[in-house]
All heavy atoms as atom14 arrays in JSON, in Angstrom:
{
  "sequence": "LPEAMSLLDKGIIPLLVDEHAECLEALKPDVLVDAILAKRNLGTRRDM",
  "atom14_mask": [
    [1, 1, 1, 1, 1, 1, 1, 1, 0, 0, 0, 0, 0, 0],
    [1, 1, 1, 1, 1, 1, 1, 0, 0, 0, 0, 0, 0, 0],
    [1, 1, 1, 1, 1, 1, 1, 1, 1, 0, 0, 0, 0, 0],
    [1, 1, 1, 1, 1, 0, 0, 0, 0, 0, 0, 0, 0, 0],
    [1, 1, 1, 1, 1, 1, 1, 1, 0, 0, 0, 0, 0, 0],
    [1, 1, 1, 1, 1, 1, 0, 0, 0, 0, 0, 0, 0, 0],
    [1, 1, 1, 1, 1, 1, 1, 1, 0, 0, 0, 0, 0, 0],
    [1, 1, 1, 1, 1, 1, 1, 1, 0, 0, 0, 0, 0, 0],
    [1, 1, 1, 1, 1, 1, 1, 1, 0, 0, 0, 0, 0, 0],
    [1, 1, 1, 1, 1, 1, 1, 1, 1, 0, 0, 0, 0, 0],
    [1, 1, 1, 1, 0, 0, 0, 0, 0, 0, 0, 0, 0, 0],
    [1, 1, 1, 1, 1, 1, 1, 1, 0, 0, 0, 0, 0, 0],
    [1, 1, 1, 1, 1, 1, 1, 1, 0, 0, 0, 0, 0, 0],
    [1, 1, 1, 1, 1, 1, 1, 0, 0, 0, 0, 0, 0, 0],
    [1, 1, 1, 1, 1, 1, 1, 1, 0, 0, 0, 0, 0, 0],
    [1, 1, 1, 1, 1, 1, 1, 1, 0, 0, 0, 0, 0, 0],
    [1, 1, 1, 1, 1, 1, 1, 0, 0, 0, 0, 0, 0, 0],
    [1, 1, 1, 1, 1, 1, 1, 1, 0, 0, 0, 0, 0, 0],
    [1, 1, 1, 1, 1, 1, 1, 1, 1, 0, 0, 0, 0, 0],
    [1, 1, 1, 1, 1, 1, 1, 1, 1, 1, 0, 0, 0, 0],
    [1, 1, 1, 1, 1, 0, 0, 0, 0, 0, 0, 0, 0, 0],
    [1, 1, 1, 1, 1, 1, 1, 1, 1, 0, 0, 0, 0, 0],
    [1, 1, 1, 1, 1, 1, 0, 0, 0, 0, 0, 0, 0, 0],
    [1, 1, 1, 1, 1, 1, 1, 1, 0, 0, 0, 0, 0, 0],
    [1, 1, 1, 1, 1, 1, 1, 1, 1, 0, 0, 0, 0, 0],
    [1, 1, 1, 1, 1, 0, 0, 0, 0, 0, 0, 0, 0, 0],
    [1, 1, 1, 1, 1, 1, 1, 1, 0, 0, 0, 0, 0, 0],
    [1, 1, 1, 1, 1, 1, 1, 1, 1, 0, 0, 0, 0, 0],
    [1, 1, 1, 1, 1, 1, 1, 0, 0, 0, 0, 0, 0, 0],
    [1, 1, 1, 1, 1, 1, 1, 1, 0, 0, 0, 0, 0, 0],
    [1, 1, 1, 1, 1, 1, 1, 0, 0, 0, 0, 0, 0, 0],
    [1, 1, 1, 1, 1, 1, 1, 1, 0, 0, 0, 0, 0, 0],
    [1, 1, 1, 1, 1, 1, 1, 0, 0, 0, 0, 0, 0, 0],
    [1, 1, 1, 1, 1, 1, 1, 1, 0, 0, 0, 0, 0, 0],
    [1, 1, 1, 1, 1, 0, 0, 0, 0, 0, 0, 0, 0, 0],
    [1, 1, 1, 1, 1, 1, 1, 1, 0, 0, 0, 0, 0, 0],
    [1, 1, 1, 1, 1, 1, 1, 1, 0, 0, 0, 0, 0, 0],
    [1, 1, 1, 1, 1, 0, 0, 0, 0, 0, 0, 0, 0, 0],
    [1, 1, 1, 1, 1, 1, 1, 1, 1, 0, 0, 0, 0, 0],
    [1, 1, 1, 1, 1, 1, 1, 1, 1, 1, 1, 0, 0, 0],
    [1, 1, 1, 1, 1, 1, 1, 1, 0, 0, 0, 0, 0, 0],
    [1, 1, 1, 1, 1, 1, 1, 1, 0, 0, 0, 0, 0, 0],
    [1, 1, 1, 1, 0, 0, 0, 0, 0, 0, 0, 0, 0, 0],
    [1, 1, 1, 1, 1, 1, 1, 0, 0, 0, 0, 0, 0, 0],
    [1, 1, 1, 1, 1, 1, 1, 1, 1, 1, 1, 0, 0, 0],
    [1, 1, 1, 1, 1, 1, 1, 1, 1, 1, 1, 0, 0, 0],
    [1, 1, 1, 1, 1, 1, 1, 1, 0, 0, 0, 0, 0, 0],
    [1, 1, 1, 1, 1, 1, 1, 1, 0, 0, 0, 0, 0, 0]
  ],
  "atom14_positions": [
    [[136.05, -56.5, 55.07], [135.39, -55.35, 55.69], [133.86, -55.48, 55.54], [133.14, -55.22, 56.46], [135.85, -54.1, 54.98], [137.26, -53.59, 55.44], [137.63, -52.31, 54.77], [137.26, -53.29, 56.96], [0.0, 0.0, 0.0], [0.0, 0.0, 0.0], [0.0, 0.0, 0.0], [0.0, 0.0, 0.0], [0.0, 0.0, 0.0], [0.0, 0.0, 0.0]],
    [[133.34, -55.94, 54.37], [131.88, -56.06, 54.28], [131.26, -57.01, 55.29], [130.21, -56.75, 55.85], [131.57, -56.53, 52.82], [132.79, -55.98, 52.07], [133.93, -56.09, 53.02], [0.0, 0.0, 0.0], [0.0, 0.0, 0.0], [0.0, 0.0, 0.0], [0.0, 0.0, 0.0], [0.0, 0.0, 0.0], [0.0, 0.0, 0.0], [0.0, 0.0, 0.0]],
    [[132.04, -58.1, 55.5], [131.57, -59.08, 56.53], [131.64, -58.44, 57.91], [130.7, -58.65, 58.72], [132.46, -60.33, 56.46], [131.97, -61.42, 57.49], [132.82, -62.65, 57.43], [133.75, -62.73, 56.64], [132.62, -63.52, 58.32], [0.0, 0.0, 0.0], [0.0, 0.0, 0.0], [0.0, 0.0, 0.0], [0.0, 0.0, 0.0], [0.0, 0.0, 0.0]],
    [[132.67, -57.67, 58.22], [132.73, -56.98, 59.52], [131.62, -56.0, 59.71], [131.0, -55.99, 60.79], [134.13, -56.25, 59.6], [0.0, 0.0, 0.0], [0.0, 0.0, 0.0], [0.0, 0.0, 0.0], [0.0, 0.0, 0.0], [0.0, 0.0, 0.0], [0.0, 0.0, 0.0], [0.0, 0.0, 0.0], [0.0, 0.0, 0.0], [0.0, 0.0, 0.0]],
    [[131.23, -55.24, 58.69], [130.19, -54.27, 58.76], [128.85, -55.06, 58.97], [127.97, -54.51, 59.75], [130.14, -53.4, 57.57], [131.4, -52.58, 57.34], [132.01, -51.72, 58.78], [130.74, -50.46, 58.97], [0.0, 0.0, 0.0], [0.0, 0.0, 0.0], [0.0, 0.0, 0.0], [0.0, 0.0, 0.0], [0.0, 0.0, 0.0], [0.0, 0.0, 0.0]],
    [[128.67, -56.15, 58.36], [127.42, -56.93, 58.47], [127.32, -57.4, 59.93], [126.22, -57.43, 60.53], [127.46, -58.06, 57.53], [126.3, -58.93, 57.75], [0.0, 0.0, 0.0], [0.0, 0.0, 0.0], [0.0, 0.0, 0.0], [0.0, 0.0, 0.0], [0.0, 0.0, 0.0], [0.0, 0.0, 0.0], [0.0, 0.0, 0.0], [0.0, 0.0, 0.0]],
    [[128.45, -57.86, 60.53], [128.39, -58.25, 61.96], [128.07, -57.2, 62.9], [127.33, -57.38, 63.82], [129.79, -58.94, 62.25], [130.16, -60.26, 61.57], [131.63, -60.64, 61.94], [129.21, -61.37, 62.0], [0.0, 0.0, 0.0], [0.0, 0.0, 0.0], [0.0, 0.0, 0.0], [0.0, 0.0, 0.0], [0.0, 0.0, 0.0], [0.0, 0.0, 0.0]],
    [[128.59, -56.01, 62.59], [128.28, -54.87, 63.42], [126.78, -54.56, 63.47], [126.2, -54.2, 64.46], [128.99, -53.66, 62.93], [130.51, -53.47, 63.25], [131.15, -52.32, 62.54], [130.75, -53.31, 64.76], [0.0, 0.0, 0.0], [0.0, 0.0, 0.0], [0.0, 0.0, 0.0], [0.0, 0.0, 0.0], [0.0, 0.0, 0.0], [0.0, 0.0, 0.0]],
    [[126.18, -54.68, 62.3], [124.73, -54.43, 62.16], [123.96, -55.45, 62.98], [122.81, -55.19, 63.34], [124.29, -54.54, 60.72], [124.85, -53.32, 59.89], [125.17, -52.31, 60.46], [124.92, -53.43, 58.63], [0.0, 0.0, 0.0], [0.0, 0.0, 0.0], [0.0, 0.0, 0.0], [0.0, 0.0, 0.0], [0.0, 0.0, 0.0], [0.0, 0.0, 0.0]],
    [[124.55, -56.58, 63.24], [123.87, -57.65, 64.06], [124.14, -57.59, 65.48], [123.75, -58.48, 66.29], [124.17, -59.03, 63.51], [123.77, -59.29, 62.06], [124.29, -60.58, 61.61], [123.93, -60.85, 60.11], [124.52, -62.09, 59.6], [0.0, 0.0, 0.0], [0.0, 0.0, 0.0], [0.0, 0.0, 0.0], [0.0, 0.0, 0.0], [0.0, 0.0, 0.0]],
    [[124.95, -56.59, 65.95], [125.29, -56.38, 67.36], [126.41, -57.26, 67.78], [126.61, -57.53, 69.01], [0.0, 0.0, 0.0], [0.0, 0.0, 0.0], [0.0, 0.0, 0.0], [0.0, 0.0, 0.0], [0.0, 0.0, 0.0], [0.0, 0.0, 0.0], [0.0, 0.0, 0.0], [0.0, 0.0, 0.0], [0.0, 0.0, 0.0], [0.0, 0.0, 0.0]],
    [[127.22, -57.76, 66.82], [128.34, -58.62, 67.09], [129.62, -57.82, 66.97], [129.77, -56.95, 66.13], [128.4, -59.87, 66.14], [127.14, -60.72, 66.31], [129.64, -60.62, 66.26], [126.98, -61.71, 65.32], [0.0, 0.0, 0.0], [0.0, 0.0, 0.0], [0.0, 0.0, 0.0], [0.0, 0.0, 0.0], [0.0, 0.0, 0.0], [0.0, 0.0, 0.0]],
    [[130.58, -58.05, 67.83], [131.86, -57.42, 67.73], [132.77, -58.15, 66.76], [133.14, -59.28, 66.97], [132.63, -57.28, 69.12], [131.76, -56.4, 70.03], [134.02, -56.8, 69.0], [132.36, -56.23, 71.39], [0.0, 0.0, 0.0], [0.0, 0.0, 0.0], [0.0, 0.0, 0.0], [0.0, 0.0, 0.0], [0.0, 0.0, 0.0], [0.0, 0.0, 0.0]],
    [[133.1, -57.48, 65.57], [133.9, -58.27, 64.58], [135.41, -58.07, 64.89], [135.83, -57.02, 65.43], [133.56, -57.59, 63.23], [132.96, -56.29, 63.6], [132.6, -56.29, 65.09], [0.0, 0.0, 0.0], [0.0, 0.0, 0.0], [0.0, 0.0, 0.0], [0.0, 0.0, 0.0], [0.0, 0.0, 0.0], [0.0, 0.0, 0.0], [0.0, 0.0, 0.0]],
    [[136.13, -59.07, 64.54], [137.67, -58.99, 64.6], [138.25, -59.14, 63.28], [137.78, -59.99, 62.5], [138.18, -60.04, 65.57], [137.88, -59.85, 67.08], [136.57, -60.54, 67.47], [139.03, -60.3, 67.93], [0.0, 0.0, 0.0], [0.0, 0.0, 0.0], [0.0, 0.0, 0.0], [0.0, 0.0, 0.0], [0.0, 0.0, 0.0], [0.0, 0.0, 0.0]],
    [[139.23, -58.39, 62.96], [139.88, -58.45, 61.63], [141.4, -58.67, 61.88], [141.95, -58.06, 62.78], [139.69, -57.19, 60.8], [138.42, -56.94, 60.06], [138.35, -55.54, 59.56], [138.25, -57.94, 58.96], [0.0, 0.0, 0.0], [0.0, 0.0, 0.0], [0.0, 0.0, 0.0], [0.0, 0.0, 0.0], [0.0, 0.0, 0.0], [0.0, 0.0, 0.0]],
    [[141.97, -59.51, 61.08], [143.45, -59.64, 61.12], [144.03, -58.48, 60.38], [143.98, -58.34, 59.16], [143.89, -60.93, 60.48], [145.45, -61.09, 60.45], [143.29, -62.15, 61.22], [0.0, 0.0, 0.0], [0.0, 0.0, 0.0], [0.0, 0.0, 0.0], [0.0, 0.0, 0.0], [0.0, 0.0, 0.0], [0.0, 0.0, 0.0], [0.0, 0.0, 0.0]],
    [[144.63, -57.51, 61.11], [145.17, -56.31, 60.52], [146.14, -55.69, 61.52], [145.76, -54.75, 62.24], [143.99, -55.32, 60.23], [144.45, -54.13, 59.41], [145.73, -53.95, 59.23], [143.61, -53.29, 59.02], [0.0, 0.0, 0.0], [0.0, 0.0, 0.0], [0.0, 0.0, 0.0], [0.0, 0.0, 0.0], [0.0, 0.0, 0.0], [0.0, 0.0, 0.0]],
    [[147.3, -56.18, 61.5], [148.36, -55.78, 62.57], [148.63, -54.26, 62.48], [148.86, -53.57, 63.44], [149.53, -56.6, 62.33], [150.73, -56.24, 63.35], [151.94, -57.05, 63.17], [151.93, -57.97, 62.26], [152.96, -56.86, 63.82], [0.0, 0.0, 0.0], [0.0, 0.0, 0.0], [0.0, 0.0, 0.0], [0.0, 0.0, 0.0], [0.0, 0.0, 0.0]],
    [[148.68, -53.77, 61.24], [149.14, -52.36, 61.05], [147.94, -51.41, 60.86], [148.2, -50.21, 60.46], [150.1, -52.33, 59.91], [151.29, -53.21, 60.11], [152.22, -53.01, 61.05], [151.65, -54.34, 59.43], [153.17, -53.93, 60.99], [152.84, -54.72, 60.04], [0.0, 0.0, 0.0], [0.0, 0.0, 0.0], [0.0, 0.0, 0.0], [0.0, 0.0, 0.0]],
    [[146.74, -51.8, 61.05], [145.59, -50.95, 61.01], [145.41, -50.35, 59.59], [145.08, -49.16, 59.42], [145.6, -49.84, 62.03], [0.0, 0.0, 0.0], [0.0, 0.0, 0.0], [0.0, 0.0, 0.0], [0.0, 0.0, 0.0], [0.0, 0.0, 0.0], [0.0, 0.0, 0.0], [0.0, 0.0, 0.0], [0.0, 0.0, 0.0], [0.0, 0.0, 0.0]],
    [[145.69, -51.18, 58.55], [145.61, -50.68, 57.18], [144.1, -50.41, 56.75], [143.93, -49.74, 55.72], [146.26, -51.69, 56.28], [147.79, -51.85, 56.58], [148.42, -52.94, 55.76], [147.63, -53.7, 55.06], [149.63, -53.1, 55.71], [0.0, 0.0, 0.0], [0.0, 0.0, 0.0], [0.0, 0.0, 0.0], [0.0, 0.0, 0.0], [0.0, 0.0, 0.0]],
    [[143.18, -50.94, 57.48], [141.74, -50.8, 57.01], [141.15, -49.48, 57.48], [140.06, -49.15, 57.07], [140.92, -51.93, 57.58], [140.86, -51.87, 59.4], [0.0, 0.0, 0.0], [0.0, 0.0, 0.0], [0.0, 0.0, 0.0], [0.0, 0.0, 0.0], [0.0, 0.0, 0.0], [0.0, 0.0, 0.0], [0.0, 0.0, 0.0], [0.0, 0.0, 0.0]],
    [[141.91, -48.64, 58.21], [141.36, -47.43, 58.77], [140.91, -46.45, 57.66], [139.88, -45.76, 57.88], [142.32, -46.72, 59.68], [142.62, -47.43, 60.98], [143.68, -46.63, 61.84], [141.38, -47.64, 61.79], [0.0, 0.0, 0.0], [0.0, 0.0, 0.0], [0.0, 0.0, 0.0], [0.0, 0.0, 0.0], [0.0, 0.0, 0.0], [0.0, 0.0, 0.0]],
    [[141.63, -46.36, 56.58], [141.27, -45.46, 55.55], [139.91, -45.73, 54.98], [139.11, -44.85, 54.61], [142.33, -45.51, 54.42], [142.1, -44.43, 53.32], [143.19, -44.43, 52.32], [144.25, -45.02, 52.56], [143.05, -43.71, 51.27], [0.0, 0.0, 0.0], [0.0, 0.0, 0.0], [0.0, 0.0, 0.0], [0.0, 0.0, 0.0], [0.0, 0.0, 0.0]],
    [[139.62, -47.06, 54.8], [138.25, -47.49, 54.3], [137.2, -47.34, 55.36], [136.1, -46.96, 55.05], [138.39, -48.98, 53.78], [0.0, 0.0, 0.0], [0.0, 0.0, 0.0], [0.0, 0.0, 0.0], [0.0, 0.0, 0.0], [0.0, 0.0, 0.0], [0.0, 0.0, 0.0], [0.0, 0.0, 0.0], [0.0, 0.0, 0.0], [0.0, 0.0, 0.0]],
    [[137.53, -47.65, 56.57], [136.55, -47.65, 57.67], [136.15, -46.25, 58.18], [135.04, -45.98, 58.47], [137.04, -48.46, 58.86], [137.07, -49.91, 58.78], [137.74, -50.59, 60.01], [135.59, -50.5, 58.77], [0.0, 0.0, 0.0], [0.0, 0.0, 0.0], [0.0, 0.0, 0.0], [0.0, 0.0, 0.0], [0.0, 0.0, 0.0], [0.0, 0.0, 0.0]],
    [[137.12, -45.36, 58.14], [136.92, -43.99, 58.63], [136.24, -43.96, 59.97], [135.1, -43.43, 60.16], [136.2, -43.14, 57.62], [136.96, -42.9, 56.36], [136.18, -42.06, 55.37], [137.05, -41.68, 54.22], [137.83, -42.74, 53.54], [0.0, 0.0, 0.0], [0.0, 0.0, 0.0], [0.0, 0.0, 0.0], [0.0, 0.0, 0.0], [0.0, 0.0, 0.0]],
    [[136.8, -44.57, 61.02], [136.09, -44.61, 62.35], [136.07, -43.3, 62.95], [136.81, -42.35, 62.71], [136.97, -45.6, 63.14], [138.37, -45.35, 62.57], [138.18, -45.09, 61.04], [0.0, 0.0, 0.0], [0.0, 0.0, 0.0], [0.0, 0.0, 0.0], [0.0, 0.0, 0.0], [0.0, 0.0, 0.0], [0.0, 0.0, 0.0], [0.0, 0.0, 0.0]],
    [[135.14, -43.15, 63.95], [135.05, -41.96, 64.81], [136.16, -41.9, 65.87], [136.6, -40.85, 66.19], [133.69, -41.88, 65.45], [132.55, -41.82, 64.46], [132.44, -40.87, 63.77], [131.77, -42.94, 64.38], [0.0, 0.0, 0.0], [0.0, 0.0, 0.0], [0.0, 0.0, 0.0], [0.0, 0.0, 0.0], [0.0, 0.0, 0.0], [0.0, 0.0, 0.0]],
    [[136.49, -43.07, 66.35], [137.48, -43.23, 67.4], [138.39, -44.39, 67.14], [137.97, -45.4, 66.64], [136.73, -43.44, 68.73], [137.78, -43.54, 69.96], [135.73, -42.38, 69.05], [0.0, 0.0, 0.0], [0.0, 0.0, 0.0], [0.0, 0.0, 0.0], [0.0, 0.0, 0.0], [0.0, 0.0, 0.0], [0.0, 0.0, 0.0], [0.0, 0.0, 0.0]],
    [[139.69, -44.15, 67.42], [140.65, -45.19, 67.39], [141.27, -45.34, 68.76], [141.69, -44.41, 69.33], [141.85, -44.94, 66.36], [142.97, -45.91, 66.39], [142.52, -47.3, 65.88], [144.12, -45.4, 65.63], [0.0, 0.0, 0.0], [0.0, 0.0, 0.0], [0.0, 0.0, 0.0], [0.0, 0.0, 0.0], [0.0, 0.0, 0.0], [0.0, 0.0, 0.0]],
    [[141.22, -46.66, 69.31], [141.81, -46.89, 70.62], [142.97, -47.86, 70.46], [142.78, -48.96, 69.93], [140.75, -47.53, 71.6], [141.35, -47.82, 72.9], [139.55, -46.61, 71.74], [0.0, 0.0, 0.0], [0.0, 0.0, 0.0], [0.0, 0.0, 0.0], [0.0, 0.0, 0.0], [0.0, 0.0, 0.0], [0.0, 0.0, 0.0], [0.0, 0.0, 0.0]],
    [[144.16, -47.49, 70.84], [145.34, -48.29, 70.83], [145.33, -49.04, 72.17], [145.63, -48.49, 73.24], [146.6, -47.56, 70.62], [147.81, -48.43, 70.5], [147.99, -49.39, 71.23], [148.65, -48.2, 69.53], [0.0, 0.0, 0.0], [0.0, 0.0, 0.0], [0.0, 0.0, 0.0], [0.0, 0.0, 0.0], [0.0, 0.0, 0.0], [0.0, 0.0, 0.0]],
    [[144.98, -50.32, 72.12], [144.9, -51.15, 73.36], [145.86, -52.36, 73.25], [145.55, -53.36, 73.77], [143.48, -51.62, 73.54], [0.0, 0.0, 0.0], [0.0, 0.0, 0.0], [0.0, 0.0, 0.0], [0.0, 0.0, 0.0], [0.0, 0.0, 0.0], [0.0, 0.0, 0.0], [0.0, 0.0, 0.0], [0.0, 0.0, 0.0], [0.0, 0.0, 0.0]],
    [[146.92, -52.12, 72.52], [147.98, -53.25, 72.35], [148.7, -53.45, 73.62], [149.11, -54.53, 73.93], [148.92, -52.86, 71.23], [148.13, -52.68, 69.96], [149.99, -53.93, 71.06], [148.96, -52.17, 68.72], [0.0, 0.0, 0.0], [0.0, 0.0, 0.0], [0.0, 0.0, 0.0], [0.0, 0.0, 0.0], [0.0, 0.0, 0.0], [0.0, 0.0, 0.0]],
    [[148.88, -52.43, 74.46], [149.66, -52.45, 75.69], [151.02, -52.99, 75.56], [151.42, -53.89, 76.33], [148.82, -53.3, 76.76], [147.44, -52.69, 77.13], [146.62, -53.72, 77.94], [147.68, -51.42, 77.94], [0.0, 0.0, 0.0], [0.0, 0.0, 0.0], [0.0, 0.0, 0.0], [0.0, 0.0, 0.0], [0.0, 0.0, 0.0], [0.0, 0.0, 0.0]],
    [[151.69, -52.54, 74.6], [153.08, -52.95, 74.33], [154.09, -52.15, 75.11], [155.31, -52.43, 75.01], [153.44, -52.9, 72.84], [0.0, 0.0, 0.0], [0.0, 0.0, 0.0], [0.0, 0.0, 0.0], [0.0, 0.0, 0.0], [0.0, 0.0, 0.0], [0.0, 0.0, 0.0], [0.0, 0.0, 0.0], [0.0, 0.0, 0.0], [0.0, 0.0, 0.0]],
    [[153.61, -51.19, 75.89], [154.48, -50.26, 76.63], [155.25, -49.35, 75.74], [156.17, -48.66, 76.2], [155.48, -51.01, 77.59], [154.83, -52.12, 78.36], [153.74, -51.64, 79.31], [153.24, -52.74, 80.27], [152.55, -53.88, 79.67], [0.0, 0.0, 0.0], [0.0, 0.0, 0.0], [0.0, 0.0, 0.0], [0.0, 0.0, 0.0], [0.0, 0.0, 0.0]],
    [[154.93, -49.37, 74.46], [155.55, -48.41, 73.47], [154.62, -48.29, 72.24], [153.7, -49.1, 72.11], [156.89, -49.02, 72.98], [156.89, -50.33, 72.4], [158.3, -50.91, 72.2], [158.21, -52.27, 71.7], [158.35, -52.48, 70.38], [158.58, -51.49, 69.45], [158.26, -53.76, 69.87], [0.0, 0.0, 0.0], [0.0, 0.0, 0.0], [0.0, 0.0, 0.0]],
    [[154.81, -47.23, 71.53], [153.94, -46.92, 70.4], [154.35, -47.75, 69.19], [155.49, -47.59, 68.74], [153.89, -45.44, 70.11], [152.86, -44.99, 69.11], [152.36, -45.86, 68.28], [152.55, -43.76, 69.08], [0.0, 0.0, 0.0], [0.0, 0.0, 0.0], [0.0, 0.0, 0.0], [0.0, 0.0, 0.0], [0.0, 0.0, 0.0], [0.0, 0.0, 0.0]],
    [[153.43, -48.61, 68.72], [153.73, -49.45, 67.56], [153.09, -48.92, 66.25], [152.74, -49.65, 65.38], [153.22, -50.9, 67.81], [153.84, -51.64, 68.94], [153.24, -52.99, 69.16], [155.37, -51.71, 68.77], [0.0, 0.0, 0.0], [0.0, 0.0, 0.0], [0.0, 0.0, 0.0], [0.0, 0.0, 0.0], [0.0, 0.0, 0.0], [0.0, 0.0, 0.0]],
    [[152.99, -47.57, 66.19], [152.61, -46.95, 64.91], [151.34, -46.14, 64.94], [150.86, -45.71, 63.91], [0.0, 0.0, 0.0], [0.0, 0.0, 0.0], [0.0, 0.0, 0.0], [0.0, 0.0, 0.0], [0.0, 0.0, 0.0], [0.0, 0.0, 0.0], [0.0, 0.0, 0.0], [0.0, 0.0, 0.0], [0.0, 0.0, 0.0], [0.0, 0.0, 0.0]],
    [[150.72, -46.01, 66.1], [149.48, -45.21, 66.17], [149.8, -43.74, 66.11], [150.71, -43.25, 66.74], [148.77, -45.56, 67.48], [148.25, -46.84, 67.45], [147.58, -44.6, 67.7], [0.0, 0.0, 0.0], [0.0, 0.0, 0.0], [0.0, 0.0, 0.0], [0.0, 0.0, 0.0], [0.0, 0.0, 0.0], [0.0, 0.0, 0.0], [0.0, 0.0, 0.0]],
    [[149.03, -42.98, 65.21], [149.24, -41.55, 65.11], [147.93, -40.81, 65.45], [146.85, -41.38, 65.25], [149.66, -41.2, 63.65], [150.88, -41.88, 63.11], [151.2, -41.41, 61.76], [150.12, -41.29, 60.85], [149.64, -42.35, 60.13], [150.26, -43.51, 60.27], [148.58, -42.2, 59.33], [0.0, 0.0, 0.0], [0.0, 0.0, 0.0], [0.0, 0.0, 0.0]],
    [[148.08, -39.62, 65.83], [146.9, -38.8, 66.24], [145.96, -38.59, 65.08], [144.74, -38.4, 65.26], [147.44, -37.49, 66.84], [146.4, -36.7, 67.46], [146.88, -35.45, 68.12], [145.88, -34.69, 68.91], [146.12, -33.54, 69.52], [147.38, -33.01, 69.41], [145.14, -32.9, 70.16], [0.0, 0.0, 0.0], [0.0, 0.0, 0.0], [0.0, 0.0, 0.0]],
    [[146.48, -38.56, 63.83], [145.68, -38.24, 62.7], [145.01, -39.48, 62.12], [144.3, -39.36, 61.08], [146.49, -37.57, 61.58], [147.61, -38.4, 61.06], [147.77, -39.61, 61.55], [148.35, -37.97, 60.14], [0.0, 0.0, 0.0], [0.0, 0.0, 0.0], [0.0, 0.0, 0.0], [0.0, 0.0, 0.0], [0.0, 0.0, 0.0], [0.0, 0.0, 0.0]],
    [[145.04, -40.59, 62.76], [144.36, -41.83, 62.22], [142.9, -41.74, 62.33], [142.17, -42.51, 61.68], [144.96, -43.04, 62.95], [146.28, -43.43, 62.41], [146.86, -44.97, 63.31], [148.1, -45.58, 62.26], [0.0, 0.0, 0.0], [0.0, 0.0, 0.0], [0.0, 0.0, 0.0], [0.0, 0.0, 0.0], [0.0, 0.0, 0.0], [0.0, 0.0, 0.0]]
  ]
}
């Protein structure tokens, strides 16, 4: 996560290996976008 935040500060889009979005609690994003396009919900909740 620290490396990801450092990349954000440099204007780079960081990617993290995190299939189940376990980092959300630490990141506390303003917006979550489910763009998996699996044609079904793979665990995204409105309260994330």
